[in-house]
Amino acid sequence: MDRTNWLHLYQFRAEAGWENMFLPNGAGSVEWHLGWNVELPRGYFLMVAPLETGPEGLEVPTGVISSTVCGRMTQGQGFGIAVRPTRPVTIARGQHIARLILLHADSLRATSTTQDTATVGESDG
């Protein structure tokens, strides 16, 4: 992002005082603290995904958040998601910006079979 002055324009009052709503997050994105919390049971994850028809000018990178990280967010500034503004954009209160999908840990487990490329095609003789 070329100009980040706008990051300091939006603040909210928390128990510890005033805090920034947007924090630099890297890769051109910011973490947007939404003002509410998510409590996940142990062994679950939350996938944040963009909407098919989300606000123009606001990209939401897909990400997966563990119950441990959600718990830390609850103790801190509240739940936040990564967003990447690509141009000036106006978001209205209550407007949908992303999809939250609850995932059980079993749905994230995967197995794979690999083959050593050095031995593929070699004969035993």
Protein backbone atom coordinates (compact mmCIF):
# COMPACT_ATOMS: atom_id res chain seq x y z
CA MET A 1 0.00 0.00 0.00
CA ASP A 2 1.44 3.31 -1.02
CA ARG A 3 -0.19 5.47 1.61
CA THR A 4 -1.01 4.23 5.09
CA ASN A 5 -2.17 7.47 6.75
CA TRP A 6 -5.75 6.17 6.73
CA LEU A 7 -4.75 3.34 9.09
CA HIS A 8 -4.71 5.78 12.01
CA LEU A 9 -8.03 7.46 11.19
CA TYR A 10 -10.23 4.64 12.46
CA GLN A 11 -10.06 3.69 16.12
CA PHE A 12 -12.30 2.02 18.68
CA ARG A 13 -12.48 2.13 22.43
CA ALA A 14 -11.37 -1.04 24.21
CA GLU A 15 -10.90 -1.83 27.90
CA ALA A 16 -7.29 -0.64 27.71
CA GLY A 17 -8.20 2.59 25.86
CA TRP A 18 -8.30 3.60 22.20
CA GLU A 19 -6.90 1.12 19.67
CA ASN A 20 -6.46 1.16 15.90
CA MET A 21 -9.06 -0.75 13.91
CA PHE A 22 -6.53 -1.49 11.14
CA LEU A 23 -3.01 -2.82 11.68
CA PRO A 24 -0.35 -3.46 8.99
CA ASN A 25 -0.28 -7.17 8.23
CA GLY A 26 2.26 -7.63 5.42
CA ALA A 27 1.94 -8.52 1.72
CA GLY A 28 -0.14 -5.39 1.10
CA SER A 29 -2.82 -6.41 3.58
CA VAL A 30 -4.04 -5.07 6.91
CA GLU A 31 -5.67 -6.83 9.83
CA TRP A 32 -9.14 -5.40 10.36
CA HIS A 33 -10.44 -5.76 13.92
CA LEU A 34 -14.20 -6.16 13.57
CA GLY A 35 -15.35 -5.35 17.10
CA TRP A 36 -16.63 -8.79 18.10
CA ASN A 37 -15.16 -12.14 19.11
CA VAL A 38 -15.31 -15.71 17.92
CA GLU A 39 -15.09 -18.58 20.40
CA LEU A 40 -14.13 -21.89 18.84
CA PRO A 41 -14.13 -25.25 20.64
CA ARG A 42 -10.76 -26.98 20.81
CA GLY A 43 -10.13 -29.02 17.66
CA TYR A 44 -11.98 -26.65 15.34
CA PHE A 45 -10.74 -24.08 12.86
CA LEU A 46 -12.32 -21.10 11.16
CA MET A 47 -11.76 -20.55 7.47
CA VAL A 48 -12.05 -16.95 6.25
CA ALA A 49 -12.90 -16.84 2.54
CA PRO A 50 -13.81 -14.05 0.14
CA LEU A 51 -17.39 -13.66 -1.04
CA GLU A 52 -18.17 -14.35 -4.68
CA THR A 53 -19.59 -10.85 -4.99
CA GLY A 54 -17.72 -8.98 -2.26
CA PRO A 55 -17.19 -5.23 -2.15
CA GLU A 56 -15.23 -3.99 -5.17
CA GLY A 57 -11.86 -2.67 -4.13
CA LEU A 58 -11.53 -4.96 -1.11
CA GLU A 59 -9.78 -8.32 -1.42
CA VAL A 60 -10.09 -10.86 1.40
CA PRO A 61 -7.30 -13.45 1.31
CA THR A 62 -8.36 -16.98 2.21
CA GLY A 63 -6.99 -18.09 5.56
CA VAL A 64 -7.51 -20.62 8.33
CA ILE A 65 -7.51 -19.60 11.99
CA SER A 66 -7.09 -22.13 14.82
CA SER A 67 -9.07 -22.19 18.05
CA THR A 68 -5.86 -21.18 19.86
CA VAL A 69 -5.44 -18.04 17.74
CA CYS A 70 -9.14 -17.18 18.10
CA GLY A 71 -8.70 -17.49 21.86
CA ARG A 72 -5.80 -15.04 21.79
CA MET A 73 -7.86 -12.63 19.70
CA THR A 74 -10.64 -12.77 22.31
CA GLN A 75 -8.16 -11.72 25.00
CA GLY A 76 -6.77 -8.90 22.86
CA GLN A 77 -8.36 -6.56 20.37
CA GLY A 78 -11.07 -8.92 19.18
CA PHE A 79 -11.53 -10.96 16.03
CA GLY A 80 -9.77 -9.68 12.95
CA ILE A 81 -9.41 -10.70 9.33
CA ALA A 82 -6.86 -9.83 6.69
CA VAL A 83 -8.09 -7.48 3.97
CA ARG A 84 -6.29 -5.91 1.04
CA PRO A 85 -7.79 -2.62 -0.19
CA THR A 86 -6.98 -2.17 -3.89
CA ARG A 87 -8.60 1.25 -4.22
CA PRO A 88 -10.70 3.57 -2.05
CA VAL A 89 -13.74 1.61 -0.89
CA THR A 90 -16.69 2.38 1.37
CA ILE A 91 -18.08 -0.37 3.60
CA ALA A 92 -21.45 0.10 5.29
CA ARG A 93 -22.29 -1.27 8.72
CA GLY A 94 -23.79 -4.73 8.34
CA GLN A 95 -22.42 -5.19 4.82
CA HIS A 96 -21.05 -8.68 4.15
CA ILE A 97 -17.31 -8.70 3.45
CA ALA A 98 -16.25 -12.33 3.89
CA ARG A 99 -17.47 -15.84 4.55
CA LEU A 100 -16.63 -17.64 7.81
CA ILE A 101 -16.64 -21.44 7.60
CA LEU A 102 -16.34 -23.65 10.68
CA LEU A 103 -14.03 -26.63 10.08
CA HIS A 104 -13.32 -29.66 12.26
CA ALA A 105 -9.66 -30.67 12.51
CA ASP A 106 -10.44 -33.96 10.72
CA SER A 107 -11.40 -32.03 7.58
CA LEU A 108 -7.88 -30.53 7.39
CA ARG A 109 -5.96 -33.78 7.56
CA ALA A 110 -4.60 -35.05 4.30
CA THR A 111 -2.38 -37.89 3.20
CA SER A 112 -0.27 -38.10 0.12
CA THR A 113 1.78 -40.70 -1.67
CA THR A 114 5.10 -39.68 -3.15
CA GLN A 115 7.47 -41.44 -5.45
CA ASP A 116 11.20 -40.88 -5.73
CA THR A 117 11.81 -39.56 -9.26
CA ALA A 118 15.34 -41.02 -9.33
CA THR A 119 14.00 -44.58 -9.17
CA VAL A 120 11.07 -44.13 -11.57
CA GLY A 121 11.74 -46.04 -14.78
CA GLU A 122 14.84 -47.90 -13.51
CA SER A 123 14.94 -51.62 -14.03
CA ASP A 124 16.16 -54.20 -11.55
CA GLY A 125 18.87 -55.53 -13.81
